[in-house]
Full PDB file with SEQRES, HELIX, SHEET, SSBOND, CRYST1, ORIGX, SCALE, CONECT and MASTER records, all heavy atoms in Angstrom:
SEQRES   1 A   32  VAL LEU ILE ASP PHE TRP ALA SER TRP CYS GLY PRO CYS          
SEQRES   2 A   32  ARG ARG GLU ASN PRO ASN ILE VAL LYS ALA TYR LYS LYS          
SEQRES   3 A   32  TYR SER LYS ALA LYS PHE                                      
HELIX    1 AA1 GLY A   11  TYR A   27  1                                  17    
SSBOND   1 CYS A   10    CYS A   13                          1555   1555  2.40  
CRYST1    1.000    1.000    1.000  90.00  90.00  90.00 P 1           1          
ORIGX1      1.000000  0.000000  0.000000        0.00000                         
ORIGX2      0.000000  1.000000  0.000000        0.00000                         
ORIGX3      0.000000  0.000000  1.000000        0.00000                         
SCALE1      1.000000  0.000000  0.000000        0.00000                         
SCALE2      0.000000  1.000000  0.000000        0.00000                         
SCALE3      0.000000  0.000000  1.000000        0.00000                         
ATOM      1  N   VAL A   1     -11.346   2.292  -3.080  1.00  0.00           N  
ATOM      2  CA  VAL A   1     -10.619   2.171  -1.813  1.00  0.00           C  
ATOM      3  C   VAL A   1      -9.921   0.816  -1.728  1.00  0.00           C  
ATOM      4  O   VAL A   1     -10.527  -0.223  -1.980  1.00  0.00           O  
ATOM      5  CB  VAL A   1     -11.571   2.322  -0.603  1.00  0.00           C  
ATOM      6  CG1 VAL A   1     -10.812   2.177   0.711  1.00  0.00           C  
ATOM      7  CG2 VAL A   1     -12.313   3.654  -0.657  1.00  0.00           C  
ATOM      8  N   LEU A   2      -8.659   0.875  -1.360  1.00  0.00           N  
ATOM      9  CA  LEU A   2      -7.916  -0.336  -1.031  1.00  0.00           C  
ATOM     10  C   LEU A   2      -7.922  -0.454   0.482  1.00  0.00           C  
ATOM     11  O   LEU A   2      -7.403   0.416   1.184  1.00  0.00           O  
ATOM     12  CB  LEU A   2      -6.473  -0.255  -1.537  1.00  0.00           C  
ATOM     13  CG  LEU A   2      -5.616  -1.447  -1.140  1.00  0.00           C  
ATOM     14  CD1 LEU A   2      -6.045  -2.694  -1.902  1.00  0.00           C  
ATOM     15  CD2 LEU A   2      -4.149  -1.158  -1.375  1.00  0.00           C  
ATOM     16  N   ILE A   3      -8.543  -1.509   1.001  1.00  0.00           N  
ATOM     17  CA  ILE A   3      -8.491  -1.790   2.432  1.00  0.00           C  
ATOM     18  C   ILE A   3      -7.279  -2.700   2.627  1.00  0.00           C  
ATOM     19  O   ILE A   3      -7.220  -3.789   2.068  1.00  0.00           O  
ATOM     20  CB  ILE A   3      -9.769  -2.488   2.934  1.00  0.00           C  
ATOM     21  CG1 ILE A   3     -11.005  -1.656   2.596  1.00  0.00           C  
ATOM     22  CG2 ILE A   3      -9.672  -2.742   4.438  1.00  0.00           C  
ATOM     23  CD1 ILE A   3     -12.322  -2.385   2.854  1.00  0.00           C  
ATOM     24  N   ASP A   4      -6.324  -2.221   3.395  1.00  0.00           N  
ATOM     25  CA  ASP A   4      -5.054  -2.925   3.586  1.00  0.00           C  
ATOM     26  C   ASP A   4      -4.922  -3.362   5.036  1.00  0.00           C  
ATOM     27  O   ASP A   4      -4.740  -2.530   5.932  1.00  0.00           O  
ATOM     28  CB  ASP A   4      -3.899  -1.993   3.198  1.00  0.00           C  
ATOM     29  CG  ASP A   4      -2.540  -2.630   3.405  1.00  0.00           C  
ATOM     30  OD1 ASP A   4      -2.413  -3.842   3.155  1.00  0.00           O  
ATOM     31  OD2 ASP A   4      -1.602  -1.903   3.804  1.00  0.00           O  
ATOM     32  N   PHE A   5      -5.026  -4.671   5.284  1.00  0.00           N  
ATOM     33  CA  PHE A   5      -4.824  -5.224   6.617  1.00  0.00           C  
ATOM     34  C   PHE A   5      -3.346  -5.567   6.766  1.00  0.00           C  
ATOM     35  O   PHE A   5      -2.786  -6.290   5.934  1.00  0.00           O  
ATOM     36  CB  PHE A   5      -5.668  -6.491   6.808  1.00  0.00           C  
ATOM     37  CG  PHE A   5      -7.129  -6.221   6.980  1.00  0.00           C  
ATOM     38  CD1 PHE A   5      -7.974  -6.150   5.880  1.00  0.00           C  
ATOM     39  CD2 PHE A   5      -7.678  -6.048   8.245  1.00  0.00           C  
ATOM     40  CE1 PHE A   5      -9.328  -5.904   6.034  1.00  0.00           C  
ATOM     41  CE2 PHE A   5      -9.033  -5.798   8.412  1.00  0.00           C  
ATOM     42  CZ  PHE A   5      -9.858  -5.725   7.296  1.00  0.00           C  
ATOM     43  N   TRP A   6      -2.719  -5.060   7.820  1.00  0.00           N  
ATOM     44  CA  TRP A   6      -1.285  -5.234   8.034  1.00  0.00           C  
ATOM     45  C   TRP A   6      -0.980  -5.039   9.514  1.00  0.00           C  
ATOM     46  O   TRP A   6      -1.880  -4.773  10.313  1.00  0.00           O  
ATOM     47  CB  TRP A   6      -0.511  -4.214   7.191  1.00  0.00           C  
ATOM     48  CG  TRP A   6      -0.606  -2.804   7.732  1.00  0.00           C  
ATOM     49  CD1 TRP A   6      -1.710  -1.990   7.729  1.00  0.00           C  
ATOM     50  CD2 TRP A   6       0.417  -2.080   8.395  1.00  0.00           C  
ATOM     51  NE1 TRP A   6      -1.424  -0.804   8.340  1.00  0.00           N  
ATOM     52  CE2 TRP A   6      -0.117  -0.824   8.761  1.00  0.00           C  
ATOM     53  CE3 TRP A   6       1.741  -2.356   8.711  1.00  0.00           C  
ATOM     54  CZ2 TRP A   6       0.626   0.143   9.426  1.00  0.00           C  
ATOM     55  CZ3 TRP A   6       2.477  -1.388   9.368  1.00  0.00           C  
ATOM     56  CH2 TRP A   6       1.919  -0.153   9.719  1.00  0.00           C  
ATOM     57  N   ALA A   7       0.295  -5.145   9.884  1.00  0.00           N  
ATOM     58  CA  ALA A   7       0.740  -4.858  11.257  1.00  0.00           C  
ATOM     59  C   ALA A   7       2.227  -4.538  11.254  1.00  0.00           C  
ATOM     60  O   ALA A   7       2.970  -4.995  10.382  1.00  0.00           O  
ATOM     61  CB  ALA A   7       0.472  -6.042  12.178  1.00  0.00           C  
ATOM     62  N   SER A   8       2.649  -3.776  12.240  1.00  0.00           N  
ATOM     63  CA  SER A   8       4.061  -3.379  12.336  1.00  0.00           C  
ATOM     64  C   SER A   8       4.978  -4.581  12.552  1.00  0.00           C  
ATOM     65  O   SER A   8       6.121  -4.580  12.118  1.00  0.00           O  
ATOM     66  CB  SER A   8       4.254  -2.368  13.472  1.00  0.00           C  
ATOM     67  OG  SER A   8       3.992  -2.981  14.726  1.00  0.00           O  
ATOM     68  N   TRP A   9       4.494  -5.627  13.213  1.00  0.00           N  
ATOM     69  CA  TRP A   9       5.293  -6.803  13.544  1.00  0.00           C  
ATOM     70  C   TRP A   9       5.319  -7.839  12.419  1.00  0.00           C  
ATOM     71  O   TRP A   9       6.004  -8.858  12.519  1.00  0.00           O  
ATOM     72  CB  TRP A   9       4.760  -7.464  14.815  1.00  0.00           C  
ATOM     73  CG  TRP A   9       3.270  -7.642  14.831  1.00  0.00           C  
ATOM     74  CD1 TRP A   9       2.353  -6.834  15.441  1.00  0.00           C  
ATOM     75  CD2 TRP A   9       2.522  -8.670  14.182  1.00  0.00           C  
ATOM     76  NE1 TRP A   9       1.080  -7.297  15.219  1.00  0.00           N  
ATOM     77  CE2 TRP A   9       1.147  -8.425  14.442  1.00  0.00           C  
ATOM     78  CE3 TRP A   9       2.854  -9.773  13.404  1.00  0.00           C  
ATOM     79  CZ2 TRP A   9       0.130  -9.231  13.955  1.00  0.00           C  
ATOM     80  CZ3 TRP A   9       1.835 -10.577  12.916  1.00  0.00           C  
ATOM     81  CH2 TRP A   9       0.497 -10.308  13.194  1.00  0.00           C  
ATOM     82  N   CYS A  10       4.597  -7.590  11.340  1.00  0.00           N  
ATOM     83  CA  CYS A  10       4.450  -8.551  10.240  1.00  0.00           C  
ATOM     84  C   CYS A  10       5.501  -8.290   9.165  1.00  0.00           C  
ATOM     85  O   CYS A  10       5.404  -7.306   8.423  1.00  0.00           O  
ATOM     86  CB  CYS A  10       3.036  -8.434   9.664  1.00  0.00           C  
ATOM     87  SG  CYS A  10       2.767  -9.320   8.132  1.00  0.00           S  
ATOM     88  N   GLY A  11       6.508  -9.172   9.080  1.00  0.00           N  
ATOM     89  CA  GLY A  11       7.568  -9.022   8.086  1.00  0.00           C  
ATOM     90  C   GLY A  11       7.055  -8.945   6.655  1.00  0.00           C  
ATOM     91  O   GLY A  11       7.426  -8.037   5.909  1.00  0.00           O  
ATOM     92  N   PRO A  12       6.176  -9.880   6.221  1.00  0.00           N  
ATOM     93  CA  PRO A  12       5.658  -9.791   4.855  1.00  0.00           C  
ATOM     94  C   PRO A  12       4.887  -8.486   4.590  1.00  0.00           C  
ATOM     95  O   PRO A  12       4.949  -7.943   3.495  1.00  0.00           O  
ATOM     96  CB  PRO A  12       4.737 -11.012   4.741  1.00  0.00           C  
ATOM     97  CG  PRO A  12       5.300 -11.991   5.724  1.00  0.00           C  
ATOM     98  CD  PRO A  12       5.797 -11.144   6.864  1.00  0.00           C  
ATOM     99  N   CYS A  13       4.185  -7.982   5.607  1.00  0.00           N  
ATOM    100  CA  CYS A  13       3.464  -6.711   5.456  1.00  0.00           C  
ATOM    101  C   CYS A  13       4.443  -5.572   5.214  1.00  0.00           C  
ATOM    102  O   CYS A  13       4.242  -4.739   4.326  1.00  0.00           O  
ATOM    103  CB  CYS A  13       2.654  -6.394   6.711  1.00  0.00           C  
ATOM    104  SG  CYS A  13       1.412  -7.606   7.143  1.00  0.00           S  
ATOM    105  N   ARG A  14       5.486  -5.546   6.010  1.00  0.00           N  
ATOM    106  CA  ARG A  14       6.468  -4.469   5.919  1.00  0.00           C  
ATOM    107  C   ARG A  14       7.189  -4.517   4.572  1.00  0.00           C  
ATOM    108  O   ARG A  14       7.512  -3.483   3.995  1.00  0.00           O  
ATOM    109  CB  ARG A  14       7.454  -4.530   7.076  1.00  0.00           C  
ATOM    110  CG  ARG A  14       6.816  -4.449   8.473  1.00  0.00           C  
ATOM    111  CD  ARG A  14       6.136  -3.125   8.773  1.00  0.00           C  
ATOM    112  NE  ARG A  14       7.050  -2.014   8.832  1.00  0.00           N  
ATOM    113  CZ  ARG A  14       7.755  -1.642   9.892  1.00  0.00           C  
ATOM    114  NH1 ARG A  14       7.656  -2.320  11.021  1.00  0.00           N  
ATOM    115  NH2 ARG A  14       8.546  -0.603   9.831  1.00  0.00           N  
ATOM    116  N   ARG A  15       7.428  -5.736   4.059  1.00  0.00           N  
ATOM    117  CA  ARG A  15       8.063  -5.870   2.742  1.00  0.00           C  
ATOM    118  C   ARG A  15       7.108  -5.469   1.620  1.00  0.00           C  
ATOM    119  O   ARG A  15       7.538  -5.030   0.562  1.00  0.00           O  
ATOM    120  CB  ARG A  15       8.567  -7.289   2.538  1.00  0.00           C  
ATOM    121  CG  ARG A  15       9.803  -7.602   3.387  1.00  0.00           C  
ATOM    122  CD  ARG A  15      10.440  -8.927   3.037  1.00  0.00           C  
ATOM    123  NE  ARG A  15       9.598 -10.088   3.302  1.00  0.00           N  
ATOM    124  CZ  ARG A  15       9.493 -10.685   4.488  1.00  0.00           C  
ATOM    125  NH1 ARG A  15      10.176 -10.237   5.535  1.00  0.00           N  
ATOM    126  NH2 ARG A  15       8.720 -11.744   4.631  1.00  0.00           N  
ATOM    127  N   GLU A  16       5.802  -5.623   1.834  1.00  0.00           N  
ATOM    128  CA  GLU A  16       4.803  -5.236   0.830  1.00  0.00           C  
ATOM    129  C   GLU A  16       4.505  -3.741   0.874  1.00  0.00           C  
ATOM    130  O   GLU A  16       4.059  -3.158  -0.124  1.00  0.00           O  
ATOM    131  CB  GLU A  16       3.510  -6.031   1.046  1.00  0.00           C  
ATOM    132  CG  GLU A  16       2.410  -5.768   0.033  1.00  0.00           C  
ATOM    133  CD  GLU A  16       2.738  -6.179  -1.397  1.00  0.00           C  
ATOM    134  OE1 GLU A  16       3.705  -6.932  -1.622  1.00  0.00           O  
ATOM    135  OE2 GLU A  16       2.023  -5.730  -2.309  1.00  0.00           O  
ATOM    136  N   ASN A  17       4.765  -3.081   2.002  1.00  0.00           N  
ATOM    137  CA  ASN A  17       4.442  -1.654   2.125  1.00  0.00           C  
ATOM    138  C   ASN A  17       5.026  -0.780   1.026  1.00  0.00           C  
ATOM    139  O   ASN A  17       4.339   0.133   0.556  1.00  0.00           O  
ATOM    140  CB  ASN A  17       4.804  -1.134   3.517  1.00  0.00           C  
ATOM    141  CG  ASN A  17       3.729  -1.447   4.534  1.00  0.00           C  
ATOM    142  OD1 ASN A  17       2.594  -1.791   4.175  1.00  0.00           O  
ATOM    143  ND2 ASN A  17       4.068  -1.341   5.799  1.00  0.00           N  
ATOM    144  N   PRO A  18       6.260  -0.994   0.555  1.00  0.00           N  
ATOM    145  CA  PRO A  18       6.746  -0.164  -0.555  1.00  0.00           C  
ATOM    146  C   PRO A  18       5.873  -0.280  -1.814  1.00  0.00           C  
ATOM    147  O   PRO A  18       5.689   0.709  -2.540  1.00  0.00           O  
ATOM    148  CB  PRO A  18       8.161  -0.690  -0.814  1.00  0.00           C  
ATOM    149  CG  PRO A  18       8.587  -1.258   0.501  1.00  0.00           C  
ATOM    150  CD  PRO A  18       7.330  -1.850   1.098  1.00  0.00           C  
ATOM    151  N   ASN A  19       5.297  -1.455  -2.062  1.00  0.00           N  
ATOM    152  CA  ASN A  19       4.395  -1.621  -3.206  1.00  0.00           C  
ATOM    153  C   ASN A  19       3.081  -0.874  -2.990  1.00  0.00           C  
ATOM    154  O   ASN A  19       2.520  -0.312  -3.931  1.00  0.00           O  
ATOM    155  CB  ASN A  19       4.124  -3.102  -3.473  1.00  0.00           C  
ATOM    156  CG  ASN A  19       5.370  -3.820  -3.920  1.00  0.00           C  
ATOM    157  OD1 ASN A  19       6.177  -3.282  -4.679  1.00  0.00           O  
ATOM    158  ND2 ASN A  19       5.557  -5.030  -3.437  1.00  0.00           N  
ATOM    159  N   ILE A  20       2.603  -0.877  -1.754  1.00  0.00           N  
ATOM    160  CA  ILE A  20       1.384  -0.133  -1.432  1.00  0.00           C  
ATOM    161  C   ILE A  20       1.646   1.362  -1.628  1.00  0.00           C  
ATOM    162  O   ILE A  20       0.818   2.076  -2.192  1.00  0.00           O  
ATOM    163  CB  ILE A  20       0.927  -0.426   0.018  1.00  0.00           C  
ATOM    164  CG1 ILE A  20       0.689  -1.920   0.244  1.00  0.00           C  
ATOM    165  CG2 ILE A  20      -0.298   0.393   0.384  1.00  0.00           C  
ATOM    166  CD1 ILE A  20      -0.497  -2.516  -0.434  1.00  0.00           C  
ATOM    167  N   VAL A  21       2.799   1.831  -1.180  1.00  0.00           N  
ATOM    168  CA  VAL A  21       3.166   3.242  -1.349  1.00  0.00           C  
ATOM    169  C   VAL A  21       3.236   3.598  -2.833  1.00  0.00           C  
ATOM    170  O   VAL A  21       2.711   4.632  -3.264  1.00  0.00           O  
ATOM    171  CB  VAL A  21       4.496   3.566  -0.633  1.00  0.00           C  
ATOM    172  CG1 VAL A  21       4.993   4.955  -0.992  1.00  0.00           C  
ATOM    173  CG2 VAL A  21       4.336   3.432   0.879  1.00  0.00           C  
ATOM    174  N   LYS A  22       3.851   2.733  -3.639  1.00  0.00           N  
ATOM    175  CA  LYS A  22       3.933   2.982  -5.092  1.00  0.00           C  
ATOM    176  C   LYS A  22       2.551   3.061  -5.716  1.00  0.00           C  
ATOM    177  O   LYS A  22       2.279   3.922  -6.553  1.00  0.00           O  
ATOM    178  CB  LYS A  22       4.746   1.882  -5.783  1.00  0.00           C  
ATOM    179  CG  LYS A  22       6.222   1.981  -5.579  1.00  0.00           C  
ATOM    180  CD  LYS A  22       6.931   0.822  -6.285  1.00  0.00           C  
ATOM    181  CE  LYS A  22       8.357   0.707  -5.828  1.00  0.00           C  
ATOM    182  NZ  LYS A  22       9.023  -0.484  -6.390  1.00  0.00           N  
ATOM    183  N   ALA A  23       1.670   2.146  -5.328  1.00  0.00           N  
ATOM    184  CA  ALA A  23       0.306   2.155  -5.857  1.00  0.00           C  
ATOM    185  C   ALA A  23      -0.408   3.444  -5.464  1.00  0.00           C  
ATOM    186  O   ALA A  23      -1.111   4.047  -6.284  1.00  0.00           O  
ATOM    187  CB  ALA A  23      -0.469   0.939  -5.351  1.00  0.00           C  
ATOM    188  N   TYR A  24      -0.219   3.874  -4.224  1.00  0.00           N  
ATOM    189  CA  TYR A  24      -0.866   5.113  -3.782  1.00  0.00           C  
ATOM    190  C   TYR A  24      -0.347   6.306  -4.578  1.00  0.00           C  
ATOM    191  O   TYR A  24      -1.127   7.144  -5.039  1.00  0.00           O  
ATOM    192  CB  TYR A  24      -0.650   5.329  -2.287  1.00  0.00           C  
ATOM    193  CG  TYR A  24      -1.420   6.518  -1.769  1.00  0.00           C  
ATOM    194  CD1 TYR A  24      -2.799   6.452  -1.637  1.00  0.00           C  
ATOM    195  CD2 TYR A  24      -0.775   7.700  -1.432  1.00  0.00           C  
ATOM    196  CE1 TYR A  24      -3.519   7.538  -1.169  1.00  0.00           C  
ATOM    197  CE2 TYR A  24      -1.496   8.790  -0.961  1.00  0.00           C  
ATOM    198  CZ  TYR A  24      -2.864   8.708  -0.830  1.00  0.00           C  
ATOM    199  OH  TYR A  24      -3.581   9.779  -0.387  1.00  0.00           O  
ATOM    200  N   LYS A  25       0.963   6.375  -4.754  1.00  0.00           N  
ATOM    201  CA  LYS A  25       1.547   7.476  -5.532  1.00  0.00           C  
ATOM    202  C   LYS A  25       1.010   7.479  -6.956  1.00  0.00           C  
ATOM    203  O   LYS A  25       0.716   8.536  -7.508  1.00  0.00           O  
ATOM    204  CB  LYS A  25       3.073   7.370  -5.557  1.00  0.00           C  
ATOM    205  CG  LYS A  25       3.744   7.778  -4.279  1.00  0.00           C  
ATOM    206  CD  LYS A  25       5.255   7.641  -4.389  1.00  0.00           C  
ATOM    207  CE  LYS A  25       5.940   8.017  -3.084  1.00  0.00           C  
ATOM    208  NZ  LYS A  25       7.392   7.811  -3.159  1.00  0.00           N  
ATOM    209  N   LYS A  26       0.891   6.311  -7.539  1.00  0.00           N  
ATOM    210  CA  LYS A  26       0.465   6.204  -8.933  1.00  0.00           C  
ATOM    211  C   LYS A  26      -1.016   6.518  -9.121  1.00  0.00           C  
ATOM    212  O   LYS A  26      -1.393   7.177 -10.089  1.00  0.00           O  
ATOM    213  CB  LYS A  26       0.764   4.799  -9.458  1.00  0.00           C  
ATOM    214  CG  LYS A  26       0.451   4.628 -10.921  1.00  0.00           C  
ATOM    215  CD  LYS A  26       0.963   3.307 -11.447  1.00  0.00           C  
ATOM    216  CE  LYS A  26       0.738   3.198 -12.942  1.00  0.00           C  
ATOM    217  NZ  LYS A  26       1.304   1.966 -13.480  1.00  0.00           N  
ATOM    218  N   TYR A  27      -1.872   6.044  -8.214  1.00  0.00           N  
ATOM    219  CA  TYR A  27      -3.312   6.138  -8.435  1.00  0.00           C  
ATOM    220  C   TYR A  27      -4.044   7.187  -7.609  1.00  0.00           C  
ATOM    221  O   TYR A  27      -5.196   7.494  -7.896  1.00  0.00           O  
ATOM    222  CB  TYR A  27      -3.960   4.766  -8.219  1.00  0.00           C  
ATOM    223  CG  TYR A  27      -3.415   3.741  -9.180  1.00  0.00           C  
ATOM    224  CD1 TYR A  27      -2.605   2.704  -8.737  1.00  0.00           C  
ATOM    225  CD2 TYR A  27      -3.681   3.836 -10.540  1.00  0.00           C  
ATOM    226  CE1 TYR A  27      -2.085   1.779  -9.622  1.00  0.00           C  
ATOM    227  CE2 TYR A  27      -3.167   2.915 -11.428  1.00  0.00           C  
ATOM    228  CZ  TYR A  27      -2.371   1.887 -10.968  1.00  0.00           C  
ATOM    229  OH  TYR A  27      -1.854   0.974 -11.848  1.00  0.00           O  
ATOM    230  N   SER A  28      -3.418   7.774  -6.610  1.00  0.00           N  
ATOM    231  CA  SER A  28      -4.135   8.726  -5.757  1.00  0.00           C  
ATOM    232  C   SER A  28      -4.546   9.983  -6.513  1.00  0.00           C  
ATOM    233  O   SER A  28      -5.511  10.638  -6.146  1.00  0.00           O  
ATOM    234  CB  SER A  28      -3.305   9.100  -4.533  1.00  0.00           C  
ATOM    235  OG  SER A  28      -2.140   9.796  -4.914  1.00  0.00           O  
ATOM    236  N   LYS A  29      -3.857  10.299  -7.577  1.00  0.00           N  
ATOM    237  CA  LYS A  29      -4.200  11.479  -8.372  1.00  0.00           C  
ATOM    238  C   LYS A  29      -4.814  11.103  -9.727  1.00  0.00           C  
ATOM    239  O   LYS A  29      -5.061  11.962 -10.559  1.00  0.00           O  
ATOM    240  CB  LYS A  29      -2.950  12.321  -8.599  1.00  0.00           C  
ATOM    241  CG  LYS A  29      -2.260  12.737  -7.310  1.00  0.00           C  
ATOM    242  CD  LYS A  29      -2.282  14.207  -7.127  1.00  0.00           C  
ATOM    243  CE  LYS A  29      -1.436  14.670  -5.988  1.00  0.00           C  
ATOM    244  NZ  LYS A  29      -1.950  14.506  -4.685  1.00  0.00           N  
ATOM    245  N   ALA A  30      -5.073   9.811  -9.944  1.00  0.00           N  
ATOM    246  CA  ALA A  30      -5.655   9.349 -11.204  1.00  0.00           C  
ATOM    247  C   ALA A  30      -7.071   9.894 -11.358  1.00  0.00           C  
ATOM    248  O   ALA A  30      -7.776  10.125 -10.371  1.00  0.00           O  
ATOM    249  CB  ALA A  30      -5.656   7.826 -11.258  1.00  0.00           C  
ATOM    250  N   LYS A  31      -7.477  10.087 -12.593  1.00  0.00           N  
ATOM    251  CA  LYS A  31      -8.831  10.556 -12.898  1.00  0.00           C  
ATOM    252  C   LYS A  31      -9.699   9.355 -13.239  1.00  0.00           C  
ATOM    253  O   LYS A  31      -9.340   8.546 -14.076  1.00  0.00           O  
ATOM    254  CB  LYS A  31      -8.806  11.522 -14.083  1.00  0.00           C  
ATOM    255  CG  LYS A  31      -7.950  12.743 -13.872  1.00  0.00           C  
ATOM    256  CD  LYS A  31      -8.512  13.639 -12.805  1.00  0.00           C  
ATOM    257  CE  LYS A  31      -7.640  14.879 -12.653  1.00  0.00           C  
ATOM    258  NZ  LYS A  31      -7.875  15.593 -11.456  1.00  0.00           N  
ATOM    259  N   PHE A  32     -10.819   9.264 -12.588  1.00  0.00           N  
ATOM    260  CA  PHE A  32     -11.764   8.178 -12.811  1.00  0.00           C  
ATOM    261  C   PHE A  32     -13.101   8.772 -13.234  1.00  0.00           C  
ATOM    262  O   PHE A  32     -13.522   9.796 -12.699  1.00  0.00           O  
ATOM    263  CB  PHE A  32     -11.976   7.375 -11.523  1.00  0.00           C  
ATOM    264  CG  PHE A  32     -10.730   6.722 -10.992  1.00  0.00           C  
ATOM    265  CD1 PHE A  32      -9.891   7.404 -10.118  1.00  0.00           C  
ATOM    266  CD2 PHE A  32     -10.408   5.436 -11.351  1.00  0.00           C  
ATOM    267  CE1 PHE A  32      -8.752   6.809  -9.614  1.00  0.00           C  
ATOM    268  CE2 PHE A  32      -9.267   4.822 -10.847  1.00  0.00           C  
ATOM    269  CZ  PHE A  32      -8.438   5.511  -9.988  1.00  0.00           C  
TER     270      PHE A  32                                                      
CONECT   87  104                                                                
CONECT  104   87                                                                
MASTER        0    0    0    1    0    0    0    6  269    1    2    3          
END                                                                             
């Protein structure tokens, strides 16, 4: 689990969200 602390008003958070989305797409179906 990735616990991601963020907020809608946080510019750096919003800029990082595309990377979080990419990580989720890449690893959510990974086999462990």
